Amino acid sequence: MDKVKDITNSKIFSIDLGFVALCFFIGLAGFAYVLAILPGIAESTTDQSRACITGGWKLGLIITHVLTFVLIPLAMRIFYQSLNNIGFPLRTIFASQLGLAFIMVAIASEIGWHVTQCWYYQNDFTMLNFMFYFFLISAFALWSDGLIEKTTVITNLIDIVFAISLLIVSILYPLGYEASNDNFKVPIYIALTLVFGVLTYRGYQVLQDWKIILVPIFSVGVNLSFIFLLDKYGGNPYTDPQVLYNALFHIFHDLFGTEAGVAIFTWLIYMKGIAPQNIKEKLANQK
């Protein structure tokens, strides 16, 4: 039986992987649509020069964003080893690795977006901003797929919902750009919350630990709270610069939002899949 399982697990292409790929291509269709019609940098609505984040605040923002490229590779290593120790098949481990890698793609897009803004956060509509949200939602969806041991009809239906959500977001985002209406981004926040709800549930199934609830509290709740604070008190770089609030809330949004959630999840999966193994090896060496 073990040999049969190993052979099945070693297949690179499978029906399950093909279905996930199909769902992702549905989302990519929307991405291609936005890529074709949306500008890369938002046009200024005024001739005035804009305020920039400089000095220590700029350095703080850069460090906060670059920190992701340290955190995510560490998380990838821990998730790979932990899920492997727990006994997850390689195809689901691959999904979690791909999801975590997509977070880095999202953050790279976000950094590019902030550079075009001179690091002054402004909730505008650009291709880089859309790429950030698109790959972030995709990342969390794939990450959640990496936490299921067995594919079922329900898991397939959830993947279809994720794919349709990406498609809907891709259609609404250009409409928000044309209307200059931030309310068109609300479906993005709903999609993120939906994906994180599934991720949390599947995470609990793996960990059997209530602390998993801290992941959406920080990555969704705290994250979006600072986004709303930025919208309310972040000012306008052209007419009402609020550099202190803008930089501070921006740093908190990343550091205590997404990054904190990923760090907590990584620690929990480490305690589940690696720490017990280390204790067993230590006891065995003492004998």
Foldseek 3Di string as FASTA:
>chain_A
DVVVVVVVLPDPDDPVVVLLVVLVVLLVVLLVVCVVPFAAADDDPDPFDFDAQDDPLVVLLVCLLVVLVVLLVLLLVLLLQQCVQVPARPVLNVLLNQLSVLQNVLSVLVVVRCVSVNNQDDPAAHSSNLSNLLSNLSSLQSNLSSLDRDDDPVNSVVSNVSSVLSNQLSVLRVVCNVVVHSVSCVSSLVSSVVSVVSSLVSLCVQLVDPCSVVLCCAQRVQLVVLVVQCVVPSATRRPGHDNVSRSVSSSCNRNRYNSVSSVSSSVSSCVNGPVVVVVVVVVVVVD
